[in-house]
């Protein structure tokens, strides 16, 4: 039984590793100066940031493949007895991408080396899929991220807006994102290779939104991607989260919106001859910190164990002083709808009457107590002057009506937009902390864990106060 449990656990671990799709690959062929393939060549790829080393050897056909590489910058070396060491620096590996590096060795001692520091951009020769990689730095430096756009997570900065930098895409919100003309919400999201798409209902497809500064890059595959990236018709979004490195790094940021920078509300007056600017304060702020887990005299995590922490919070306060709504007029509350009755109705251009010969008008109100049959048709007598006696009104309706605010201000006599709402405040807070841990057990075994949380709260108040309001607290 113990053997069965261990075997099952190892099988599940193998399945999880093989399904991980937040990695890249380096592949190629090793040859000598005459073009003959070189077998058993030692190939190493070293992550510059973490010092992690990945080792493979070339096959009998001279081919090598270093798979499951975390996204980052690498230095690749090829060592074969009788040949100079080949070193390729500044090699960038992106998520879901295969980089081909064909190596031609030079005869010489292994103590000598041939170092390539710069090279022409690599063509994608290993697959026909079309993908785009957008780094966090690019999102921060270009006007792609808008603070306060409509989303379901409190208007916090949205990494899905990376789509606005790509051809053939349209982005308005989480549930209005189209890739290559496909229907909205047919895309799929992966965070560190794990499915983060809402599979129950796709109105808001990010179950848990990642903090933008916690993301290293967003890879968007739009066409011809491999079968392992299935379940997506309208694009495949893969978030690679930042990891700690051998050096401690941190950052702090704040994105703000203030009414002083906004356009005023047209056709308003603040009493001094100027337009009104509704109070609006938005801040999206936070900080990041990452590095090796280093406990003096206890544990040195350099080249082995790393952490990266991100805290981001969105806070918005609004003071609305230009709200307009429509409530029943004082006359309507007394049953007087004489002002609501309009011109006479016509049928085929002729004045309309009922079976009793009573003229019919628009917005005319009839007395239900006078219901009767005339000539096989049901008729009623209209209220005189289109006024309903208080005695005929339903007590329950009158009770509900008493909860509705009275018309106010200079618009009180109007039938619509006759309630000038008193100034009211509303706010929204959204917090998304996250942490990532990485540990290198060996050159071939890596452990990684990522945790994040999304919390949003808003009272969502509006012009009306309790009990007559349709606002519902979001928590």
Protein backbone atom coordinates (compact mmCIF):
# COMPACT_ATOMS: atom_id res chain seq x y z
CA UNK A 1 0.00 0.00 0.00
CA UNK A 2 2.87 2.38 0.86
CA UNK A 3 4.49 1.69 -2.53
CA UNK A 4 1.16 2.35 -4.26
CA UNK A 5 0.76 5.74 -2.52
CA UNK A 6 4.30 6.81 -3.38
CA UNK A 7 3.86 5.71 -7.00
CA UNK A 8 0.57 7.62 -7.27
CA UNK A 9 2.12 10.76 -5.82
CA UNK A 10 5.06 10.58 -8.24
CA UNK A 11 2.67 10.03 -11.15
CA UNK A 12 0.59 13.08 -10.19
CA UNK A 13 3.77 15.13 -9.82
CA UNK A 14 4.92 14.03 -13.28
CA UNK A 15 1.54 14.94 -14.78
CA UNK A 16 1.66 18.39 -13.13
CA UNK A 17 5.18 19.01 -14.44
CA UNK A 18 4.35 17.92 -17.98
CA UNK A 19 1.27 20.15 -18.03
CA UNK A 20 3.17 23.25 -16.94
CA UNK A 21 2.97 25.80 -19.75
CA UNK A 22 4.75 28.80 -18.28
CA UNK A 23 8.16 27.68 -19.55
CA UNK A 24 10.32 28.01 -22.64
CA UNK A 25 12.75 25.79 -24.53
CA UNK A 26 16.22 26.03 -26.10
CA UNK A 27 17.04 23.55 -28.84
CA UNK A 28 19.53 23.16 -31.65
CA UNK A 29 22.30 21.08 -33.24
CA UNK A 30 26.01 20.85 -32.40
CA UNK A 31 28.46 20.38 -35.28
CA UNK A 32 32.23 20.50 -35.87
CA UNK A 33 33.93 22.84 -38.37
CA UNK A 34 33.39 20.29 -41.17
CA UNK A 35 29.64 20.17 -40.48
CA UNK A 36 29.65 16.70 -38.89
CA UNK A 37 27.33 16.34 -35.90
CA UNK A 38 28.84 16.08 -32.42
CA UNK A 39 27.36 13.59 -29.96
CA UNK A 40 27.54 13.63 -26.15
CA UNK A 41 28.31 17.34 -26.04
CA UNK A 42 27.67 18.88 -22.63
CA UNK A 43 25.16 21.74 -22.85
CA UNK A 44 24.37 24.03 -19.91
CA UNK A 45 21.91 26.92 -19.60
CA UNK A 46 22.45 29.17 -16.59
CA UNK A 47 19.77 31.60 -15.41
CA UNK A 48 21.59 34.89 -14.89
CA UNK A 49 19.19 36.13 -12.20
CA UNK A 50 18.96 33.03 -10.00
CA UNK A 51 22.10 31.06 -10.88
CA UNK A 52 20.00 27.95 -11.65
CA UNK A 53 21.79 25.62 -14.08
CA UNK A 54 20.05 23.27 -16.51
CA UNK A 55 22.17 20.51 -18.07
CA UNK A 56 21.63 18.19 -21.05
CA UNK A 57 23.80 16.35 -23.57
CA UNK A 58 23.55 16.18 -27.35
CA UNK A 59 22.24 12.96 -28.90
CA UNK A 60 23.90 10.74 -31.49
CA UNK A 61 22.44 13.02 -34.16
CA UNK A 62 23.99 16.07 -32.54
CA UNK A 63 20.63 17.48 -31.37
CA UNK A 64 19.97 18.85 -27.89
CA UNK A 65 16.86 20.23 -26.14
CA UNK A 66 16.72 22.08 -22.83
CA UNK A 67 13.06 22.11 -21.91
CA UNK A 68 11.01 23.55 -19.04
CA UNK A 69 13.13 26.70 -18.67
CA UNK A 70 11.59 29.49 -16.59
CA UNK A 71 11.34 32.71 -18.58
CA UNK A 72 14.42 34.89 -18.19
CA UNK A 73 17.90 35.68 -19.47
CA UNK A 74 20.36 32.80 -19.84
CA UNK A 75 23.98 32.07 -20.63
CA UNK A 76 24.42 28.87 -22.63
CA UNK A 77 27.69 26.96 -22.81
CA UNK A 78 28.68 23.93 -24.90
CA UNK A 79 31.71 21.90 -23.81
CA UNK A 80 33.21 19.09 -25.94
CA UNK A 81 36.76 17.68 -25.50
CA UNK A 82 39.03 18.79 -28.36
CA UNK A 83 36.99 21.91 -29.10
CA UNK A 84 36.89 25.42 -27.71
CA UNK A 85 34.11 26.09 -25.25
CA UNK A 86 31.14 27.84 -26.90
CA UNK A 87 29.44 30.53 -24.82
CA UNK A 88 26.26 32.34 -25.82
CA UNK A 89 25.31 35.25 -23.56
CA UNK A 90 22.19 37.44 -23.24
CA UNK A 91 19.89 34.69 -24.46
CA UNK A 92 16.28 35.59 -23.69
CA UNK A 93 13.83 32.73 -23.16
CA UNK A 94 10.15 33.64 -23.30
CA UNK A 95 7.09 31.73 -22.19
CA UNK A 96 5.74 29.10 -24.61
CA UNK A 97 8.58 29.88 -27.02
CA UNK A 98 11.26 27.64 -28.50
CA UNK A 99 14.61 29.27 -29.20
CA UNK A 100 16.89 27.53 -31.71
CA UNK A 101 20.65 27.90 -31.24
CA UNK A 102 22.76 25.88 -33.70
CA UNK A 103 26.37 25.66 -32.57
CA UNK A 104 29.46 25.24 -34.79
CA UNK A 105 32.46 24.40 -32.64
CA UNK A 106 36.06 25.44 -33.29
CA UNK A 107 39.00 23.11 -32.78
CA UNK A 108 41.08 23.97 -29.73
CA UNK A 109 41.51 23.41 -26.02
CA UNK A 110 38.49 23.53 -23.73
CA UNK A 111 40.29 26.17 -21.71
CA UNK A 112 39.73 28.49 -24.66
CA UNK A 113 36.28 29.82 -25.44
CA UNK A 114 34.29 31.48 -28.18
CA UNK A 115 31.82 33.94 -26.66
CA UNK A 116 28.85 35.39 -28.51
CA UNK A 117 27.45 38.39 -26.65
CA UNK A 118 25.16 39.84 -29.31
CA UNK A 119 23.34 38.26 -32.22
CA UNK A 120 20.63 39.06 -34.73
CA UNK A 121 17.03 38.54 -33.50
CA UNK A 122 16.13 34.88 -33.72
CA UNK A 123 13.52 33.76 -36.20
CA UNK A 124 10.78 31.44 -35.03
CA UNK A 125 11.55 28.24 -36.92
CA UNK A 126 10.24 25.57 -34.55
CA UNK A 127 6.49 26.18 -34.87
CA UNK A 128 3.88 28.04 -36.86
CA UNK A 129 2.04 29.51 -33.90
CA UNK A 130 1.63 33.27 -33.64
CA UNK A 131 2.33 34.71 -30.18
CA UNK A 132 3.26 38.01 -28.57
CA UNK A 133 5.20 38.67 -25.38
CA UNK A 134 4.46 41.84 -23.44
CA UNK A 135 6.66 42.65 -20.45
CA UNK A 136 5.54 44.57 -17.39
CA UNK A 137 8.04 47.31 -18.20
CA UNK A 138 6.41 47.81 -21.59
CA UNK A 139 2.95 47.99 -20.01
CA UNK A 140 4.19 50.55 -17.48
CA UNK A 141 5.98 52.73 -20.02
CA UNK A 142 3.26 52.79 -22.69
CA UNK A 143 -0.24 54.28 -22.22
CA UNK A 144 -1.85 50.84 -22.27
CA UNK A 145 -3.07 50.50 -18.70
CA UNK A 146 -5.93 52.79 -17.72
CA UNK A 147 -6.78 53.39 -14.08
CA UNK A 148 -10.50 53.11 -13.52
CA UNK A 149 -11.60 51.22 -16.62
CA UNK A 150 -14.71 49.10 -16.21
CA UNK A 151 -13.87 45.69 -14.75
CA UNK A 152 -15.39 43.37 -12.21
CA UNK A 153 -12.54 43.71 -9.74
CA UNK A 154 -12.68 47.28 -8.53
CA UNK A 155 -11.08 49.10 -11.45
CA UNK A 156 -7.60 48.01 -10.39
CA UNK A 157 -4.94 47.86 -13.11
CA UNK A 158 -5.81 44.99 -15.44
CA UNK A 159 -3.08 42.87 -17.09
CA UNK A 160 -5.56 41.82 -19.79
CA UNK A 161 -5.14 45.31 -21.22
CA UNK A 162 -1.91 44.02 -22.73
CA UNK A 163 -4.19 42.99 -25.59
CA UNK A 164 -4.48 46.65 -26.61
CA UNK A 165 -0.85 46.50 -27.81
CA UNK A 166 -1.49 43.57 -30.15
CA UNK A 167 -2.89 43.48 -33.69
CA UNK A 168 -6.29 41.93 -34.28
CA UNK A 169 -7.59 42.44 -30.73
CA UNK A 170 -10.32 44.52 -29.09
CA UNK A 171 -10.48 45.20 -25.35
CA UNK A 172 -13.14 47.07 -23.39
CA UNK A 173 -13.40 44.99 -20.21
CA UNK A 174 -12.87 41.44 -18.98
CA UNK A 175 -16.05 40.25 -20.66
CA UNK A 176 -15.50 42.27 -23.84
CA UNK A 177 -12.19 41.02 -25.17
CA UNK A 178 -12.01 39.73 -28.73
CA UNK A 179 -9.05 38.15 -30.50
CA UNK A 180 -9.06 37.66 -34.27
CA UNK A 181 -12.79 38.34 -34.47
CA UNK A 182 -13.77 35.51 -32.11
CA UNK A 183 -16.69 36.02 -29.70
CA UNK A 184 -16.11 37.76 -26.37
CA UNK A 185 -14.96 35.70 -23.41
CA UNK A 186 -13.70 32.77 -25.50
CA UNK A 187 -10.11 33.28 -24.38
CA UNK A 188 -8.29 31.35 -21.69
CA UNK A 189 -6.00 32.51 -18.87
CA UNK A 190 -3.11 30.67 -17.23
CA UNK A 191 -1.15 31.87 -14.20
CA UNK A 192 2.18 30.06 -13.88
CA UNK A 193 0.78 27.39 -16.19
CA UNK A 194 -2.32 26.81 -14.05
CA UNK A 195 -5.84 27.44 -15.30
CA UNK A 196 -7.22 30.71 -13.91
CA UNK A 197 -10.30 30.97 -16.13
CA UNK A 198 -13.82 30.98 -14.71
CA UNK A 199 -15.24 27.77 -16.14
CA UNK A 200 -18.69 28.07 -14.55
CA UNK A 201 -19.80 31.33 -16.16
CA UNK A 202 -17.59 33.50 -18.32
CA UNK A 203 -19.03 36.96 -17.67
CA UNK A 204 -15.90 37.85 -15.70
CA UNK A 205 -13.20 35.46 -16.78
CA UNK A 206 -10.49 36.30 -14.24
CA UNK A 207 -11.38 34.36 -11.14
CA UNK A 208 -8.50 36.00 -9.29
CA UNK A 209 -6.81 39.00 -10.90
CA UNK A 210 -3.03 39.09 -10.66
CA UNK A 211 -1.26 42.27 -9.60
CA UNK A 212 0.37 43.89 -12.61
CA UNK A 213 3.72 44.46 -10.89
CA UNK A 214 3.77 40.81 -9.81
CA UNK A 215 3.84 39.75 -13.48
CA UNK A 216 7.10 39.35 -15.38
CA UNK A 217 5.45 39.07 -18.80
CA UNK A 218 2.15 38.32 -20.50
CA UNK A 219 2.35 35.89 -23.41
CA UNK A 220 -0.63 36.03 -25.74
CA UNK A 221 -0.97 33.25 -28.28
CA UNK A 222 -3.46 34.15 -30.97
CA UNK A 223 -3.17 31.56 -33.77
CA UNK A 224 -2.00 28.01 -34.47
CA UNK A 225 -0.89 27.30 -30.91
CA UNK A 226 -0.10 23.77 -29.80
CA UNK A 227 -2.74 21.32 -28.61
CA UNK A 228 -1.55 21.63 -25.00
CA UNK A 229 -2.91 25.20 -25.05
CA UNK A 230 -6.43 24.11 -25.92
CA UNK A 231 -9.82 25.17 -24.57
CA UNK A 232 -9.39 28.62 -26.04
CA UNK A 233 -10.89 29.93 -29.25
CA UNK A 234 -10.17 33.61 -28.78
CA UNK A 235 -6.58 33.68 -27.56
CA UNK A 236 -4.47 32.16 -24.82
CA UNK A 237 -3.16 34.51 -22.09
CA UNK A 238 -0.27 33.13 -20.06
CA UNK A 239 0.95 35.13 -17.05
CA UNK A 240 4.51 34.49 -15.86
CA UNK A 241 4.92 35.76 -12.33
CA UNK A 242 8.11 37.43 -11.11
CA UNK A 243 10.55 35.43 -9.03
CA UNK A 244 13.20 36.53 -6.59
CA UNK A 245 16.85 36.61 -7.66
CA UNK A 246 20.25 36.49 -5.99
CA UNK A 247 20.03 40.25 -5.45
CA UNK A 248 17.43 41.99 -3.29
CA UNK A 249 15.19 44.21 -5.39
CA UNK A 250 12.16 46.32 -4.57
CA UNK A 251 9.92 49.01 -6.01
CA UNK A 252 7.08 51.31 -5.00
CA UNK A 253 4.46 52.94 -7.18
CA UNK A 254 1.31 55.03 -7.13
CA UNK A 255 -1.07 55.81 -9.99
CA UNK A 256 -3.59 58.54 -9.22
CA UNK A 257 -6.72 60.27 -10.50
CA UNK A 258 -7.81 63.65 -9.07
CA UNK A 259 -10.78 65.83 -10.03
CA UNK A 260 -8.42 68.78 -10.48
CA UNK A 261 -7.10 66.99 -13.56
CA UNK A 262 -10.56 66.08 -14.91
CA UNK A 263 -12.84 67.96 -17.28
CA UNK A 264 -15.76 69.72 -15.53
CA UNK A 265 -19.38 68.65 -15.89
CA UNK A 266 -20.97 70.71 -18.71
CA UNK A 267 -24.07 72.85 -18.13
CA UNK A 268 -23.46 73.08 -14.36
CA UNK A 269 -22.62 75.96 -12.03
CA UNK A 270 -20.79 75.72 -8.72
CA UNK A 271 -22.15 79.12 -7.63
CA UNK A 272 -19.08 81.06 -8.70
CA UNK A 273 -19.64 80.92 -12.43
CA UNK A 274 -17.52 77.81 -12.92
CA UNK A 275 -18.56 74.29 -13.91
CA UNK A 276 -18.76 71.66 -11.18
CA UNK A 277 -16.00 69.07 -10.84
CA UNK A 278 -17.28 66.11 -8.87
CA UNK A 279 -14.78 65.01 -6.27
CA UNK A 280 -12.92 61.94 -7.54
CA UNK A 281 -9.86 60.46 -5.87
CA UNK A 282 -8.34 57.24 -7.19
CA UNK A 283 -5.08 55.72 -6.09
CA UNK A 284 -3.60 52.43 -7.24
CA UNK A 285 -0.49 52.01 -5.15
CA UNK A 286 1.74 49.28 -3.85
CA UNK A 287 5.23 47.89 -3.53
CA UNK A 288 7.28 44.83 -4.46
CA UNK A 289 10.22 43.15 -2.76
CA UNK A 290 12.12 40.02 -3.70
CA UNK A 291 15.42 38.24 -3.32
CA UNK A 292 17.03 35.15 -1.81
CA UNK A 293 15.77 33.72 1.47
CA UNK A 294 18.81 34.48 3.60
CA UNK A 295 18.70 33.89 7.35
CA UNK A 296 22.06 34.84 8.90
CA UNK A 297 23.85 31.89 10.53
CA UNK A 298 20.90 29.61 9.71
CA UNK A 299 20.28 29.43 5.98
CA UNK A 300 21.83 30.89 2.83
CA UNK A 301 19.35 30.75 -0.03
CA UNK A 302 21.58 32.22 -2.75
CA UNK A 303 21.34 30.13 -5.94
CA UNK A 304 18.69 27.98 -4.20
CA UNK A 305 15.67 29.58 -2.52
CA UNK A 306 13.95 32.82 -3.52
CA UNK A 307 10.86 34.86 -2.71
CA UNK A 308 8.96 37.69 -4.38
CA UNK A 309 6.17 39.65 -2.66
CA UNK A 310 3.77 42.14 -4.21
CA UNK A 311 1.14 44.27 -2.51
CA UNK A 312 -1.29 46.35 -4.56
CA UNK A 313 -4.37 48.27 -3.44
CA UNK A 314 -6.90 50.38 -5.32
CA UNK A 315 -8.76 53.08 -3.36
CA UNK A 316 -11.36 55.37 -4.85
CA UNK A 317 -13.52 58.01 -3.19
CA UNK A 318 -16.18 59.99 -4.99
CA UNK A 319 -18.40 62.88 -3.94
CA UNK A 320 -21.29 63.26 -6.34
CA UNK A 321 -23.01 66.64 -6.31
CA UNK A 322 -24.67 66.70 -9.73
CA UNK A 323 -27.02 63.72 -9.43
CA UNK A 324 -30.41 64.03 -11.15
CA UNK A 325 -33.28 61.56 -10.87
CA UNK A 326 -36.99 61.44 -11.62
CA UNK A 327 -39.56 61.11 -8.81
CA UNK A 328 -43.36 61.60 -8.77
CA UNK A 329 -44.42 65.25 -8.82
CA UNK A 330 -46.53 66.71 -6.00
CA UNK A 331 -49.57 66.61 -8.32
CA UNK A 332 -48.97 62.96 -9.21
CA UNK A 333 -48.77 62.06 -5.52
CA UNK A 334 -52.30 63.53 -5.10
CA UNK A 335 -53.61 61.60 -8.07
CA UNK A 336 -53.67 64.64 -10.39
CA UNK A 337 -52.42 63.46 -13.80
CA UNK A 338 -54.09 66.21 -15.80
CA UNK A 339 -50.72 67.49 -17.04
CA UNK A 340 -49.83 63.99 -18.27
CA UNK A 341 -52.81 63.65 -20.63
CA UNK A 342 -51.87 64.42 -24.24
CA UNK A 343 -53.74 64.68 -27.54
CA UNK A 344 -56.57 62.51 -28.79
CA UNK A 345 -55.80 59.06 -30.18
CA UNK A 346 -56.58 58.31 -33.83
CA UNK A 347 -57.32 55.15 -35.75
CA UNK A 348 -56.65 55.26 -39.50
CA UNK A 349 -56.55 59.03 -39.22
CA UNK A 350 -59.96 59.27 -37.51
CA UNK A 351 -60.53 60.33 -33.84
CA UNK A 352 -60.72 57.18 -31.66
CA UNK A 353 -63.65 56.29 -29.39
CA UNK A 354 -64.56 53.21 -27.39
CA UNK A 355 -67.73 51.11 -27.84
CA UNK A 356 -69.58 53.54 -25.59
CA UNK A 357 -68.61 56.50 -27.80
CA UNK A 358 -66.22 57.95 -25.21
CA UNK A 359 -63.31 59.90 -26.80
CA UNK A 360 -59.88 58.32 -26.13
CA UNK A 361 -56.76 60.36 -25.29
CA UNK A 362 -53.12 59.53 -24.74
CA UNK A 363 -52.21 58.81 -21.06
CA UNK A 364 -55.90 58.73 -20.17
CA UNK A 365 -56.75 57.02 -16.85
CA UNK A 366 -59.95 55.02 -16.41
CA UNK A 367 -61.93 54.20 -13.27
CA UNK A 368 -61.84 50.40 -12.66
CA UNK A 369 -65.06 50.64 -10.59
CA UNK A 370 -67.00 51.48 -13.78
CA UNK A 371 -66.01 48.36 -15.71
CA UNK A 372 -68.91 46.98 -17.83
CA UNK A 373 -69.76 45.36 -21.16
CA UNK A 374 -71.04 47.48 -24.07
CA UNK A 375 -71.67 45.86 -27.44
CA UNK A 376 -69.53 42.85 -26.49
CA UNK A 377 -66.56 45.01 -25.46
CA UNK A 378 -65.26 45.89 -21.98
CA UNK A 379 -65.35 49.63 -21.32
CA UNK A 380 -64.65 51.98 -18.42
CA UNK A 381 -65.36 55.63 -17.76
CA UNK A 382 -62.33 57.96 -17.59
CA UNK A 383 -61.59 59.87 -14.41
CA UNK A 384 -62.80 63.45 -14.73
CA UNK A 385 -59.87 65.71 -15.60
CA UNK A 386 -57.56 62.68 -15.40
CA UNK A 387 -57.57 63.00 -11.61
CA UNK A 388 -57.72 59.96 -9.30
CA UNK A 389 -59.45 60.54 -5.93
CA UNK A 390 -57.27 59.73 -2.93
CA UNK A 391 -59.96 57.32 -1.75
CA UNK A 392 -59.38 55.18 -4.87
CA UNK A 393 -55.64 54.82 -4.28
CA UNK A 394 -54.21 51.59 -2.84
CA UNK A 395 -52.98 52.10 0.77
CA UNK A 396 -49.93 49.90 0.06
CA UNK A 397 -49.01 52.01 -2.98
CA UNK A 398 -49.39 55.18 -0.90
CA UNK A 399 -47.11 53.72 1.77
CA UNK A 400 -44.43 52.92 -0.82
CA UNK A 401 -44.90 56.33 -2.41
CA UNK A 402 -44.21 58.01 0.93
CA UNK A 403 -40.71 56.47 0.89
CA UNK A 404 -39.85 58.17 -2.41
CA UNK A 405 -38.15 61.57 -1.96
CA UNK A 406 -40.06 64.73 -2.91
CA UNK A 407 -39.03 66.80 -5.94
CA UNK A 408 -36.39 69.36 -5.08
CA UNK A 409 -34.74 72.52 -6.32
CA UNK A 410 -35.62 74.56 -9.34
CA UNK A 411 -36.73 71.46 -11.21
CA UNK A 412 -39.45 70.46 -8.72
CA UNK A 413 -42.30 71.30 -11.12
CA UNK A 414 -40.86 69.28 -14.01
CA UNK A 415 -42.17 65.81 -14.82
CA UNK A 416 -38.66 64.36 -15.31
CA UNK A 417 -35.23 65.06 -13.77
CA UNK A 418 -37.00 66.84 -10.93
CA UNK A 419 -34.93 65.48 -8.03
CA UNK A 420 -31.61 67.20 -7.41
CA UNK A 421 -29.85 64.70 -5.21
CA UNK A 422 -27.99 66.03 -2.18
CA UNK A 423 -24.21 65.42 -2.35
CA UNK A 424 -23.26 61.90 -1.37
CA UNK A 425 -20.03 59.93 -1.01
CA UNK A 426 -19.08 56.52 -2.32
CA UNK A 427 -15.86 54.56 -2.23
CA UNK A 428 -14.26 51.32 -3.41
CA UNK A 429 -11.29 49.41 -2.03
CA UNK A 430 -9.61 46.47 -3.81
CA UNK A 431 -6.57 44.66 -2.42
CA UNK A 432 -4.53 41.98 -4.22
CA UNK A 433 -1.44 40.78 -2.31
CA UNK A 434 0.63 37.91 -3.70
CA UNK A 435 3.80 35.95 -2.94
CA UNK A 436 5.91 33.54 -4.97
CA UNK A 437 8.47 31.05 -3.63
CA UNK A 438 11.06 29.16 -5.69
CA UNK A 439 13.51 26.46 -4.62
CA UNK A 440 16.12 24.60 -6.67
CA UNK A 441 16.54 21.06 -5.39
CA UNK A 442 18.95 20.19 -8.20
CA UNK A 443 19.69 21.09 -11.81
CA UNK A 444 16.66 19.07 -12.89
CA UNK A 445 14.21 19.44 -9.99
CA UNK A 446 12.63 22.81 -9.18
CA UNK A 447 9.84 23.68 -6.79
CA UNK A 448 7.68 26.77 -7.21
CA UNK A 449 4.60 28.06 -5.44
CA UNK A 450 2.45 31.15 -6.05
CA UNK A 451 -0.37 32.52 -3.88
CA UNK A 452 -2.57 35.55 -4.42
CA UNK A 453 -5.83 36.93 -3.04
CA UNK A 454 -8.43 39.36 -4.36
CA UNK A 455 -10.62 41.36 -1.98
CA UNK A 456 -13.02 44.11 -3.10
CA UNK A 457 -15.44 46.18 -1.01
CA UNK A 458 -17.81 49.03 -1.81
CA UNK A 459 -21.05 50.24 -0.17
CA UNK A 460 -22.20 51.24 -3.70
CA UNK A 461 -24.49 53.99 -2.40
CA UNK A 462 -26.49 56.09 -4.87
CA UNK A 463 -28.76 59.14 -4.90
CA UNK A 464 -31.42 57.53 -2.71
CA UNK A 465 -31.10 56.50 0.87
CA UNK A 466 -32.60 53.51 2.63
CA UNK A 467 -35.29 52.26 2.48
CA UNK A 468 -35.85 53.46 -1.08
CA UNK A 469 -32.65 52.42 -2.84
CA UNK A 470 -31.52 49.64 -5.12
CA UNK A 471 -27.87 49.76 -4.02
CA UNK A 472 -26.33 46.49 -2.79
CA UNK A 473 -23.08 46.33 -0.85
CA UNK A 474 -20.29 44.59 -2.75
CA UNK A 475 -18.01 42.56 -0.51
